[in-house]
C-alpha atoms as a PDB file:
ATOM      1  CA  MET A   1       5.752  12.801 -13.605  1.00  0.00           C
ATOM      2  CA  THR A   2       3.527  11.939 -10.645  1.00  0.00           C
ATOM      3  CA  LEU A   3       3.742   8.717  -8.653  1.00  0.00           C
ATOM      4  CA  LEU A   4       0.556   7.347 -10.213  1.00  0.00           C
ATOM      5  CA  GLU A   5       1.681   8.292 -13.719  1.00  0.00           C
ATOM      6  CA  LEU A   6       4.981   6.522 -13.104  1.00  0.00           C
ATOM      7  CA  ILE A   7       3.214   3.367 -11.959  1.00  0.00           C
ATOM      8  CA  LYS A   8       0.879   3.391 -14.957  1.00  0.00           C
ATOM      9  CA  SER A   9       3.785   3.954 -17.352  1.00  0.00           C
ATOM     10  CA  SER A  10       5.730   1.132 -15.706  1.00  0.00           C
ATOM     11  CA  ALA A  11       2.731  -1.171 -15.989  1.00  0.00           C
ATOM     12  CA  GLN A  12       2.542  -0.471 -19.719  1.00  0.00           C
ATOM     13  CA  GLN A  13       6.226  -1.365 -20.077  1.00  0.00           C
ATOM     14  CA  LEU A  14       5.745  -4.624 -18.194  1.00  0.00           C
ATOM     15  CA  THR A  15       2.782  -5.514 -20.380  1.00  0.00           C
ATOM     16  CA  HIS A  16       4.659  -4.658 -23.568  1.00  0.00           C
ATOM     17  CA  ALA A  17       7.624  -6.774 -22.414  1.00  0.00           C
ATOM     18  CA  GLY A  18       5.368  -9.775 -21.823  1.00  0.00           C
ATOM     19  CA  VAL A  19       6.629 -10.585 -18.344  1.00  0.00           C
ATOM     20  CA  ALA A  20       4.767 -13.232 -16.340  1.00  0.00           C
ATOM     21  CA  PHE A  21       3.144 -12.664 -12.964  1.00  0.00           C
ATOM     22  CA  GLY A  22       2.176 -14.940 -10.098  1.00  0.00           C
ATOM     23  CA  HIS A  23       4.885 -14.301  -7.518  1.00  0.00           C
ATOM     24  CA  GLY A  24       2.941 -11.945  -5.279  1.00  0.00           C
ATOM     25  CA  THR A  25       0.976 -10.099  -7.928  1.00  0.00           C
ATOM     26  CA  THR A  26      -1.348 -11.178 -10.716  1.00  0.00           C
ATOM     27  CA  ASN A  27      -1.282  -8.197 -13.081  1.00  0.00           C
ATOM     28  CA  ALA A  28       0.963  -5.504 -14.527  1.00  0.00           C
ATOM     29  CA  PHE A  29      -0.404  -2.592 -12.470  1.00  0.00           C
ATOM     30  CA  ASP A  30       0.110  -4.319  -9.112  1.00  0.00           C
ATOM     31  CA  GLU A  31       3.588  -5.477 -10.146  1.00  0.00           C
ATOM     32  CA  ALA A  32       4.498  -1.957 -11.268  1.00  0.00           C
ATOM     33  CA  ALA A  33       3.165  -0.501  -8.020  1.00  0.00           C
ATOM     34  CA  TRP A  34       5.300  -2.949  -6.037  1.00  0.00           C
ATOM     35  CA  LEU A  35       8.466  -2.101  -7.984  1.00  0.00           C
ATOM     36  CA  VAL A  36       7.924   1.662  -7.952  1.00  0.00           C
ATOM     37  CA  LEU A  37       6.885   1.968  -4.312  1.00  0.00           C
ATOM     38  CA  TRP A  38       9.734  -0.244  -3.148  1.00  0.00           C
ATOM     39  CA  SER A  39      12.307   1.657  -5.205  1.00  0.00           C
ATOM     40  CA  LEU A  40      11.093   4.949  -3.707  1.00  0.00           C
ATOM     41  CA  GLY A  41      11.079   3.608  -0.158  1.00  0.00           C
ATOM     42  CA  LEU A  42       7.328   4.014   0.169  1.00  0.00           C
ATOM     43  CA  PRO A  43       5.018   1.556   1.985  1.00  0.00           C
ATOM     44  CA  LEU A  44       3.582  -1.064  -0.355  1.00  0.00           C
ATOM     45  CA  ASP A  45       0.108  -0.226   0.959  1.00  0.00           C
ATOM     46  CA  THR A  46       0.417   3.421  -0.090  1.00  0.00           C
ATOM     47  CA  PRO A  47      -3.089   4.510  -1.258  1.00  0.00           C
ATOM     48  CA  LEU A  48      -3.310   4.819  -5.016  1.00  0.00           C
ATOM     49  CA  ASP A  49      -7.064   5.356  -5.085  1.00  0.00           C
ATOM     50  CA  GLU A  50      -7.960   8.980  -4.370  1.00  0.00           C
ATOM     51  CA  ALA A  51     -11.256   7.980  -2.756  1.00  0.00           C
ATOM     52  CA  ASN A  52      -9.403   6.068  -0.027  1.00  0.00           C
ATOM     53  CA  SER A  53      -6.360   8.278   0.386  1.00  0.00           C
ATOM     54  CA  GLY A  54      -7.380  10.787   3.041  1.00  0.00           C
ATOM     55  CA  GLU A  55      -6.579  14.480   2.801  1.00  0.00           C
ATOM     56  CA  GLU A  56      -3.308  14.242   0.862  1.00  0.00           C
ATOM     57  CA  PHE A  57      -3.375  12.100  -2.255  1.00  0.00           C
ATOM     58  CA  ILE A  58       0.259  11.032  -2.447  1.00  0.00           C
ATOM     59  CA  ALA A  59      -0.209   9.367  -5.837  1.00  0.00           C
ATOM     60  CA  ASN A  60      -0.557  12.845  -7.376  1.00  0.00           C
ATOM     61  CA  GLN A  61       2.766  14.017  -5.923  1.00  0.00           C
ATOM     62  CA  PRO A  62       5.648  14.452  -8.384  1.00  0.00           C
ATOM     63  CA  VAL A  63       8.574  12.028  -8.384  1.00  0.00           C
ATOM     64  CA  ASP A  64      11.991  13.700  -8.538  1.00  0.00           C
ATOM     65  CA  ALA A  65      14.768  12.777 -10.972  1.00  0.00           C
ATOM     66  CA  ALA A  66      16.560  10.530  -8.468  1.00  0.00           C
ATOM     67  CA  GLY A  67      13.361   8.636  -7.762  1.00  0.00           C
ATOM     68  CA  LEU A  68      12.633   8.215 -11.458  1.00  0.00           C
ATOM     69  CA  ALA A  69      16.123   6.822 -11.997  1.00  0.00           C
ATOM     70  CA  LYS A  70      15.757   4.302  -9.149  1.00  0.00           C
ATOM     71  CA  ALA A  71      12.360   3.117 -10.363  1.00  0.00           C
ATOM     72  CA  SER A  72      13.568   2.861 -13.958  1.00  0.00           C
ATOM     73  CA  SER A  73      16.611   0.826 -12.934  1.00  0.00           C
ATOM     74  CA  LEU A  74      14.497  -1.692 -11.005  1.00  0.00           C
ATOM     75  CA  LEU A  75      11.935  -1.906 -13.815  1.00  0.00           C
ATOM     76  CA  ILE A  76      14.662  -2.612 -16.382  1.00  0.00           C
ATOM     77  CA  ALA A  77      16.124  -5.301 -14.141  1.00  0.00           C
ATOM     78  CA  ARG A  78      12.693  -6.929 -13.847  1.00  0.00           C
ATOM     79  CA  ILE A  79      12.163  -6.942 -17.603  1.00  0.00           C
ATOM     80  CA  GLU A  80      15.649  -7.967 -18.691  1.00  0.00           C
ATOM     81  CA  SER A  81      16.313 -10.616 -16.049  1.00  0.00           C
ATOM     82  CA  ARG A  82      12.763 -12.036 -16.031  1.00  0.00           C
ATOM     83  CA  LYS A  83      13.314 -12.754 -12.341  1.00  0.00           C
ATOM     84  CA  PRO A  84      10.389 -12.409  -9.927  1.00  0.00           C
ATOM     85  CA  ALA A  85      10.253  -8.984  -8.293  1.00  0.00           C
ATOM     86  CA  ALA A  86      10.763 -10.605  -4.900  1.00  0.00           C
ATOM     87  CA  TYR A  87      14.270 -11.688  -5.900  1.00  0.00           C
ATOM     88  CA  LEU A  88      15.126  -8.134  -6.926  1.00  0.00           C
ATOM     89  CA  THR A  89      13.793  -6.601  -3.700  1.00  0.00           C
ATOM     90  CA  GLN A  90      14.681  -9.603  -1.498  1.00  0.00           C
ATOM     91  CA  GLU A  91      11.309  -9.205   0.143  1.00  0.00           C
ATOM     92  CA  ALA A  92       7.994 -11.008  -0.181  1.00  0.00           C
ATOM     93  CA  TRP A  93       4.741 -10.519   1.675  1.00  0.00           C
ATOM     94  CA  LEU A  94       2.354 -13.251   2.741  1.00  0.00           C
ATOM     95  CA  GLN A  95      -0.839 -12.429   4.648  1.00  0.00           C
ATOM     96  CA  GLY A  96       0.542  -9.014   5.541  1.00  0.00           C
ATOM     97  CA  VAL A  97       3.793 -10.402   6.956  1.00  0.00           C
ATOM     98  CA  ALA A  98       7.144  -9.518   5.383  1.00  0.00           C
ATOM     99  CA  PHE A  99       9.666 -12.257   4.635  1.00  0.00           C
ATOM    100  CA  TYR A 100      13.220 -12.240   3.354  1.00  0.00           C
ATOM    101  CA  VAL A 101      13.610 -14.145   0.098  1.00  0.00           C
ATOM    102  CA  ASP A 102      16.353 -14.822  -2.426  1.00  0.00           C
ATOM    103  CA  GLU A 103      17.032 -17.291  -5.226  1.00  0.00           C
ATOM    104  CA  ARG A 104      17.785 -20.148  -2.843  1.00  0.00           C
ATOM    105  CA  VAL A 105      14.031 -20.576  -2.311  1.00  0.00           C
ATOM    106  CA  ILE A 106      10.829 -20.231  -4.273  1.00  0.00           C
ATOM    107  CA  VAL A 107       8.878 -17.031  -3.726  1.00  0.00           C
ATOM    108  CA  PRO A 108       6.329 -17.776  -0.949  1.00  0.00           C
ATOM    109  CA  ARG A 109       2.756 -17.780  -2.238  1.00  0.00           C
ATOM    110  CA  SER A 110       1.095 -20.782  -0.614  1.00  0.00           C
ATOM    111  CA  PHE A 111      -2.668 -20.689  -0.140  1.00  0.00           C
ATOM    112  CA  ILE A 112      -2.112 -22.563   3.113  1.00  0.00           C
ATOM    113  CA  ALA A 113      -1.089 -19.186   4.538  1.00  0.00           C
ATOM    114  CA  GLU A 114      -4.580 -17.750   4.152  1.00  0.00           C
ATOM    115  CA  LEU A 115      -6.142 -20.913   5.606  1.00  0.00           C
ATOM    116  CA  LEU A 116      -3.980 -20.522   8.705  1.00  0.00           C
ATOM    117  CA  VAL A 117      -4.687 -16.843   9.211  1.00  0.00           C
ATOM    118  CA  GLU A 118      -8.425 -17.101   8.472  1.00  0.00           C
ATOM    119  CA  GLY A 119      -8.901 -20.084  10.794  1.00  0.00           C
ATOM    120  CA  SER A 120     -10.159 -22.356   8.034  1.00  0.00           C
ATOM    121  CA  ILE A 121      -8.522 -25.468   9.480  1.00  0.00           C
ATOM    122  CA  ASP A 122      -9.300 -24.760  13.138  1.00  0.00           C
ATOM    123  CA  TYR A 123     -12.279 -27.145  13.023  1.00  0.00           C
ATOM    124  CA  TRP A 124      -9.889 -30.094  12.796  1.00  0.00           C
ATOM    125  CA  LEU A 125      -7.659 -28.831  15.609  1.00  0.00           C
ATOM    126  CA  SER A 126      -8.128 -28.648  19.392  1.00  0.00           C
ATOM    127  CA  GLU A 127      -6.393 -27.676  22.617  1.00  0.00           C
ATOM    128  CA  ALA A 128      -4.431 -30.895  22.165  1.00  0.00           C
ATOM    129  CA  THR A 129      -2.788 -29.460  19.049  1.00  0.00           C
ATOM    130  CA  THR A 130       0.701 -28.725  20.302  1.00  0.00           C
ATOM    131  CA  ARG A 131       3.137 -29.886  17.599  1.00  0.00           C
ATOM    132  CA  VAL A 132       3.141 -28.660  14.003  1.00  0.00           C
ATOM    133  CA  LEU A 133       5.378 -29.764  11.138  1.00  0.00           C
ATOM    134  CA  ASP A 134       5.962 -27.527   8.139  1.00  0.00           C
ATOM    135  CA  LEU A 135       7.370 -29.925   5.562  1.00  0.00           C
ATOM    136  CA  CYS A 136       9.155 -28.398   2.550  1.00  0.00           C
ATOM    137  CA  THR A 137       9.369 -25.146   4.493  1.00  0.00           C
ATOM    138  CA  GLY A 138      11.370 -23.180   1.899  1.00  0.00           C
ATOM    139  CA  ASN A 139      11.901 -19.708   3.338  1.00  0.00           C
ATOM    140  CA  GLY A 140      10.013 -20.669   6.495  1.00  0.00           C
ATOM    141  CA  SER A 141       6.974 -18.478   5.892  1.00  0.00           C
ATOM    142  CA  LEU A 142       4.322 -21.102   6.716  1.00  0.00           C
ATOM    143  CA  ALA A 143       6.195 -22.121   9.861  1.00  0.00           C
ATOM    144  CA  VAL A 144       6.327 -18.489  10.966  1.00  0.00           C
ATOM    145  CA  LEU A 145       2.643 -17.909  10.219  1.00  0.00           C
ATOM    146  CA  ALA A 146       1.676 -21.126  12.045  1.00  0.00           C
ATOM    147  CA  ALA A 147       3.639 -20.035  15.099  1.00  0.00           C
ATOM    148  CA  MET A 148       2.027 -16.597  14.970  1.00  0.00           C
ATOM    149  CA  THR A 149      -1.464 -18.049  14.535  1.00  0.00           C
ATOM    150  CA  TYR A 150      -1.162 -20.667  17.277  1.00  0.00           C
ATOM    151  CA  PRO A 151       0.931 -19.141  20.089  1.00  0.00           C
ATOM    152  CA  GLU A 152       0.888 -22.332  22.171  1.00  0.00           C
ATOM    153  CA  VAL A 153       2.341 -24.699  19.566  1.00  0.00           C
ATOM    154  CA  SER A 154       5.904 -25.663  18.738  1.00  0.00           C
ATOM    155  CA  VAL A 155       6.850 -25.948  15.082  1.00  0.00           C
ATOM    156  CA  VAL A 156       9.384 -28.066  13.231  1.00  0.00           C
ATOM    157  CA  ALA A 157      10.248 -26.599   9.826  1.00  0.00           C
ATOM    158  CA  SER A 158      12.045 -29.039   7.540  1.00  0.00           C
ATOM    159  CA  ASP A 159      13.451 -28.998   4.036  1.00  0.00           C
ATOM    160  CA  ILE A 160      15.794 -31.125   1.957  1.00  0.00           C
ATOM    161  CA  SER A 161      17.739 -28.001   0.963  1.00  0.00           C
ATOM    162  CA  ALA A 162      20.359 -26.616   3.348  1.00  0.00           C
ATOM    163  CA  ASP A 163      20.259 -23.396   1.308  1.00  0.00           C
ATOM    164  CA  ALA A 164      16.521 -23.058   1.885  1.00  0.00           C
ATOM    165  CA  LEU A 165      16.976 -23.640   5.609  1.00  0.00           C
ATOM    166  CA  ALA A 166      19.563 -20.850   5.709  1.00  0.00           C
ATOM    167  CA  VAL A 167      16.903 -18.493   4.336  1.00  0.00           C
ATOM    168  CA  ALA A 168      14.322 -19.889   6.759  1.00  0.00           C
ATOM    169  CA  ARG A 169      16.747 -19.139   9.599  1.00  0.00           C
ATOM    170  CA  ILE A 170      16.791 -15.487   8.543  1.00  0.00           C
ATOM    171  CA  ASN A 171      13.002 -15.316   8.733  1.00  0.00           C
ATOM    172  CA  VAL A 172      12.674 -17.225  12.002  1.00  0.00           C
ATOM    173  CA  ASP A 173      15.171 -14.834  13.564  1.00  0.00           C
ATOM    174  CA  LYS A 174      13.550 -11.822  11.887  1.00  0.00           C
ATOM    175  CA  HIS A 175      10.271 -12.586  13.627  1.00  0.00           C
ATOM    176  CA  GLY A 176      11.819 -13.601  16.950  1.00  0.00           C
ATOM    177  CA  LEU A 177      10.568 -17.194  16.879  1.00  0.00           C
ATOM    178  CA  GLN A 178      13.836 -19.028  17.565  1.00  0.00           C
ATOM    179  CA  ASP A 179      12.434 -20.596  20.734  1.00  0.00           C
ATOM    180  CA  ARG A 180       9.357 -22.035  19.014  1.00  0.00           C
ATOM    181  CA  ILE A 181      10.518 -23.045  15.538  1.00  0.00           C
ATOM    182  CA  THR A 182      13.119 -25.767  15.046  1.00  0.00           C
ATOM    183  CA  LEU A 183      14.753 -26.022  11.627  1.00  0.00           C
ATOM    184  CA  LEU A 184      15.632 -29.492  10.378  1.00  0.00           C
ATOM    185  CA  GLU A 185      17.231 -30.787   7.189  1.00  0.00           C
ATOM    186  CA  SER A 186      15.274 -33.801   5.964  1.00  0.00           C
ATOM    187  CA  ASP A 187      14.460 -35.545   2.703  1.00  0.00           C
ATOM    188  CA  GLY A 188      10.713 -35.749   3.162  1.00  0.00           C
ATOM    189  CA  MET A 189      10.003 -37.577   6.403  1.00  0.00           C
ATOM    190  CA  ALA A 190      13.329 -39.420   6.462  1.00  0.00           C
ATOM    191  CA  SER A 191      14.831 -37.474   9.392  1.00  0.00           C
ATOM    192  CA  ILE A 192      11.591 -36.510  11.140  1.00  0.00           C
ATOM    193  CA  ASP A 193      11.031 -37.845  14.662  1.00  0.00           C
ATOM    194  CA  GLY A 194       7.930 -37.880  16.820  1.00  0.00           C
ATOM    195  CA  LEU A 195       4.247 -37.252  16.270  1.00  0.00           C
ATOM    196  CA  PHE A 196       2.565 -34.111  15.006  1.00  0.00           C
ATOM    197  CA  ASP A 197      -0.995 -32.895  15.393  1.00  0.00           C
ATOM    198  CA  LEU A 198      -0.813 -30.860  12.196  1.00  0.00           C
ATOM    199  CA  ILE A 199       1.412 -31.299   9.170  1.00  0.00           C
ATOM    200  CA  LEU A 200       1.531 -28.497   6.622  1.00  0.00           C
ATOM    201  CA  CYS A 201       3.087 -29.202   3.249  1.00  0.00           C
ATOM    202  CA  ASN A 202       3.439 -27.187   0.078  1.00  0.00           C
ATOM    203  CA  PRO A 203       5.575 -29.752  -1.781  1.00  0.00           C
ATOM    204  CA  PRO A 204       7.052 -29.957  -5.268  1.00  0.00           C
ATOM    205  CA  TYR A 205       4.041 -31.035  -7.350  1.00  0.00           C
ATOM    206  CA  VAL A 206       4.259 -29.563 -10.865  1.00  0.00           C
ATOM    207  CA  ASN A 207       3.872 -32.223 -13.558  1.00  0.00           C
ATOM    208  CA  ALA A 208       6.483 -32.678 -16.279  1.00  0.00           C
ATOM    209  CA  GLN A 209       4.468 -31.101 -19.090  1.00  0.00           C
ATOM    210  CA  SER A 210       3.677 -28.018 -17.002  1.00  0.00           C
ATOM    211  CA  MET A 211       7.300 -27.693 -15.873  1.00  0.00           C
ATOM    212  CA  ALA A 212       8.417 -27.527 -19.498  1.00  0.00           C
ATOM    213  CA  ALA A 213       5.868 -24.804 -20.243  1.00  0.00           C
ATOM    214  CA  LEU A 214       6.615 -22.531 -17.270  1.00  0.00           C
ATOM    215  CA  PRO A 215       7.685 -18.964 -18.124  1.00  0.00           C
ATOM    216  CA  PRO A 216      11.201 -17.742 -17.239  1.00  0.00           C
ATOM    217  CA  GLU A 217      10.081 -16.230 -13.921  1.00  0.00           C
ATOM    218  CA  TYR A 218       9.308 -19.724 -12.632  1.00  0.00           C
ATOM    219  CA  HIS A 219      12.460 -21.246 -14.059  1.00  0.00           C
ATOM    220  CA  ALA A 220      14.369 -18.645 -12.024  1.00  0.00           C
ATOM    221  CA  GLU A 221      13.202 -20.549  -8.938  1.00  0.00           C
ATOM    222  CA  PRO A 222      14.818 -23.767  -7.661  1.00  0.00           C
ATOM    223  CA  ALA A 223      13.415 -26.650  -9.716  1.00  0.00           C
ATOM    224  CA  LEU A 224      13.829 -28.873  -6.661  1.00  0.00           C
ATOM    225  CA  ALA A 225      10.994 -26.992  -4.993  1.00  0.00           C
ATOM    226  CA  LEU A 226       8.677 -27.076  -8.022  1.00  0.00           C
ATOM    227  CA  SER A 227       9.021 -30.314  -9.987  1.00  0.00           C
ATOM    228  CA  GLY A 228       7.141 -33.284  -8.593  1.00  0.00           C
ATOM    229  CA  ASN A 229       8.885 -35.691 -10.951  1.00  0.00           C
ATOM    230  CA  ALA A 230      12.222 -36.217  -9.182  1.00  0.00           C
ATOM    231  CA  LEU A 231      11.776 -39.999  -8.994  1.00  0.00           C
ATOM    232  CA  GLY A 232      11.103 -40.397 -12.700  1.00  0.00           C
ATOM    233  CA  GLY A 233       7.349 -39.847 -12.852  1.00  0.00           C
ATOM    234  CA  THR A 234       5.550 -37.331 -15.039  1.00  0.00           C
ATOM    235  CA  ASP A 235       2.350 -36.540 -13.111  1.00  0.00           C
ATOM    236  CA  GLY A 236       4.007 -34.424 -10.401  1.00  0.00           C
ATOM    237  CA  MET A 237       3.006 -36.821  -7.631  1.00  0.00           C
ATOM    238  CA  ASP A 238       6.384 -38.454  -6.871  1.00  0.00           C
ATOM    239  CA  PHE A 239       7.002 -36.634  -3.580  1.00  0.00           C
ATOM    240  CA  ILE A 240       3.340 -36.812  -2.564  1.00  0.00           C
ATOM    241  CA  ARG A 241       3.171 -40.594  -3.010  1.00  0.00           C
ATOM    242  CA  GLN A 242       6.004 -41.037  -0.524  1.00  0.00           C
ATOM    243  CA  LEU A 243       4.535 -38.425   1.816  1.00  0.00           C
ATOM    244  CA  LEU A 244       1.125 -40.076   2.023  1.00  0.00           C
ATOM    245  CA  ASN A 245       2.827 -43.390   2.717  1.00  0.00           C
ATOM    246  CA  ASP A 246       5.009 -41.950   5.496  1.00  0.00           C
ATOM    247  CA  ALA A 247       2.649 -39.433   7.107  1.00  0.00           C
ATOM    248  CA  PRO A 248       0.483 -41.765   9.282  1.00  0.00           C
ATOM    249  CA  ALA A 249       3.519 -42.804  11.328  1.00  0.00           C
ATOM    250  CA  HIS A 250       4.137 -39.134  12.165  1.00  0.00           C
ATOM    251  CA  LEU A 251       0.573 -38.020  12.866  1.00  0.00           C
ATOM    252  CA  SER A 252      -1.049 -38.154  16.282  1.00  0.00           C
ATOM    253  CA  GLU A 253      -4.306 -40.100  16.592  1.00  0.00           C
ATOM    254  CA  LYS A 254      -6.429 -37.139  15.493  1.00  0.00           C
ATOM    255  CA  GLY A 255      -3.723 -35.479  13.450  1.00  0.00           C
ATOM    256  CA  VAL A 256      -4.324 -33.986  10.010  1.00  0.00           C
ATOM    257  CA  LEU A 257      -2.258 -33.223   6.940  1.00  0.00           C
ATOM    258  CA  VAL A 258      -2.914 -30.022   4.988  1.00  0.00           C
ATOM    259  CA  LEU A 259      -1.462 -30.398   1.506  1.00  0.00           C
ATOM    260  CA  GLU A 260      -1.228 -27.918  -1.346  1.00  0.00           C
ATOM    261  CA  ILE A 261      -1.339 -29.390  -4.857  1.00  0.00           C
ATOM    262  CA  GLY A 262      -1.943 -26.250  -6.927  1.00  0.00           C
ATOM    263  CA  ASN A 263      -3.459 -26.974 -10.327  1.00  0.00           C
ATOM    264  CA  GLU A 264      -2.804 -30.710 -10.065  1.00  0.00           C
ATOM    265  CA  GLN A 265      -6.186 -31.865  -8.733  1.00  0.00           C
ATOM    266  CA  ALA A 266      -6.782 -34.153 -11.711  1.00  0.00           C
ATOM    267  CA  HIS A 267      -3.388 -35.821 -11.314  1.00  0.00           C
ATOM    268  CA  PHE A 268      -3.872 -36.125  -7.555  1.00  0.00           C
ATOM    269  CA  GLU A 269      -7.265 -37.773  -7.851  1.00  0.00           C
ATOM    270  CA  ALA A 270      -5.979 -40.129 -10.547  1.00  0.00           C
ATOM    271  CA  ALA A 271      -3.040 -41.130  -8.343  1.00  0.00           C
ATOM    272  CA  PHE A 272      -5.097 -41.588  -5.146  1.00  0.00           C
ATOM    273  CA  PRO A 273      -8.630 -42.521  -6.270  1.00  0.00           C
ATOM    274  CA  GLY A 274      -9.688 -44.174  -3.015  1.00  0.00           C
ATOM    275  CA  LEU A 275      -8.398 -41.531  -0.610  1.00  0.00           C
ATOM    276  CA  GLU A 276     -11.013 -39.558   1.314  1.00  0.00           C
ATOM    277  CA  VAL A 277      -9.972 -35.912   1.484  1.00  0.00           C
ATOM    278  CA  VAL A 278     -11.565 -32.548   2.256  1.00  0.00           C
ATOM    279  CA  TRP A 279     -10.984 -29.828  -0.318  1.00  0.00           C
ATOM    280  CA  LEU A 280     -10.547 -26.458   1.384  1.00  0.00           C
ATOM    281  CA  ASP A 281     -11.876 -23.198  -0.010  1.00  0.00           C
ATOM    282  CA  THR A 282      -9.169 -20.663  -0.886  1.00  0.00           C
ATOM    283  CA  SER A 283      -9.118 -17.400  -2.793  1.00  0.00           C
ATOM    284  CA  ALA A 284      -8.173 -19.466  -5.862  1.00  0.00           C
ATOM    285  CA  GLY A 285     -11.018 -21.953  -5.466  1.00  0.00           C
ATOM    286  CA  GLU A 286     -11.625 -25.345  -3.853  1.00  0.00           C
ATOM    287  CA  ASP A 287      -9.120 -27.374  -5.859  1.00  0.00           C
ATOM    288  CA  GLN A 288      -5.783 -26.055  -4.621  1.00  0.00           C
ATOM    289  CA  VAL A 289      -5.439 -27.317  -1.034  1.00  0.00           C
ATOM    290  CA  LEU A 290      -6.758 -30.453   0.642  1.00  0.00           C
ATOM    291  CA  LEU A 291      -6.941 -31.823   4.158  1.00  0.00           C
ATOM    292  CA  VAL A 292      -6.656 -35.503   4.989  1.00  0.00           C
ATOM    293  CA  THR A 293      -6.914 -37.133   8.400  1.00  0.00           C
ATOM    294  CA  ARG A 294      -4.626 -39.833   9.768  1.00  0.00           C
ATOM    295  CA  ALA A 295      -7.622 -42.164   9.837  1.00  0.00           C
ATOM    296  CA  ALA A 296      -8.250 -41.636   6.120  1.00  0.00           C
ATOM    297  CA  LEU A 297      -4.601 -42.206   5.279  1.00  0.00           C
ATOM    298  CA  ILE A 298      -4.575 -45.482   7.185  1.00  0.00           C
ATOM    299  CA  ALA A 299      -7.829 -46.581   5.566  1.00  0.00           C
END
């Protein structure tokens, strides 16, 4: 069996098993390619399209018995456990950067990452932007990407979970950013000191009805990082209500908050009808991430 045949066969098995995607891939073929390539120790960007492969089309090369066994074992684990592939490989990629991940954190997939790398929020920043806060940092991926994107800034990465911060420490160290990223345990803004020119936040925001309907792959992740109903609400906005109340005291005069709310635009607008925000264009549309200025929050 060739590499490409193995990937296609694996994709059919994933489809037949009814697994859910959304933790780095969106379809069975891409998920199968990730699992197979990783199990064989091949780069995840290995060309699988003959037209773009160069002289030697590796996808047509045969996979030996040992390789088939490794790929099959990982595929079975994915299907039977219904855990995201990133938990099985302990690796996730965001904007071409590799991050360590395990079940202490959600799998990083924030659209804020692409906004950082593509410069989509640079308009609201300036040379005076020197302090960045990554609130609800999880595995630290947004803090790392912010530090990489803006070499002159210092970053505070905070989370309520000590377990999540332990994973973030692995990634900060992995990318050699110990001198520029400070990790801090904090329940929201409770333990945050000082002013920030940019606050990034991909908070828990999933409403109660959606939480109940999530497939097993999402329930494998820490509910603390997903459910926005910790204070007894049902619209997913519990954490965000407190954040918008606290944020002005921690934003510099021209500071901005970049907030991801996923598929909760309707609930957000119902909860904050008078708030002036800017919806930012992402690969998933203009309803996933918003930007709000300190001035708008005060108003």
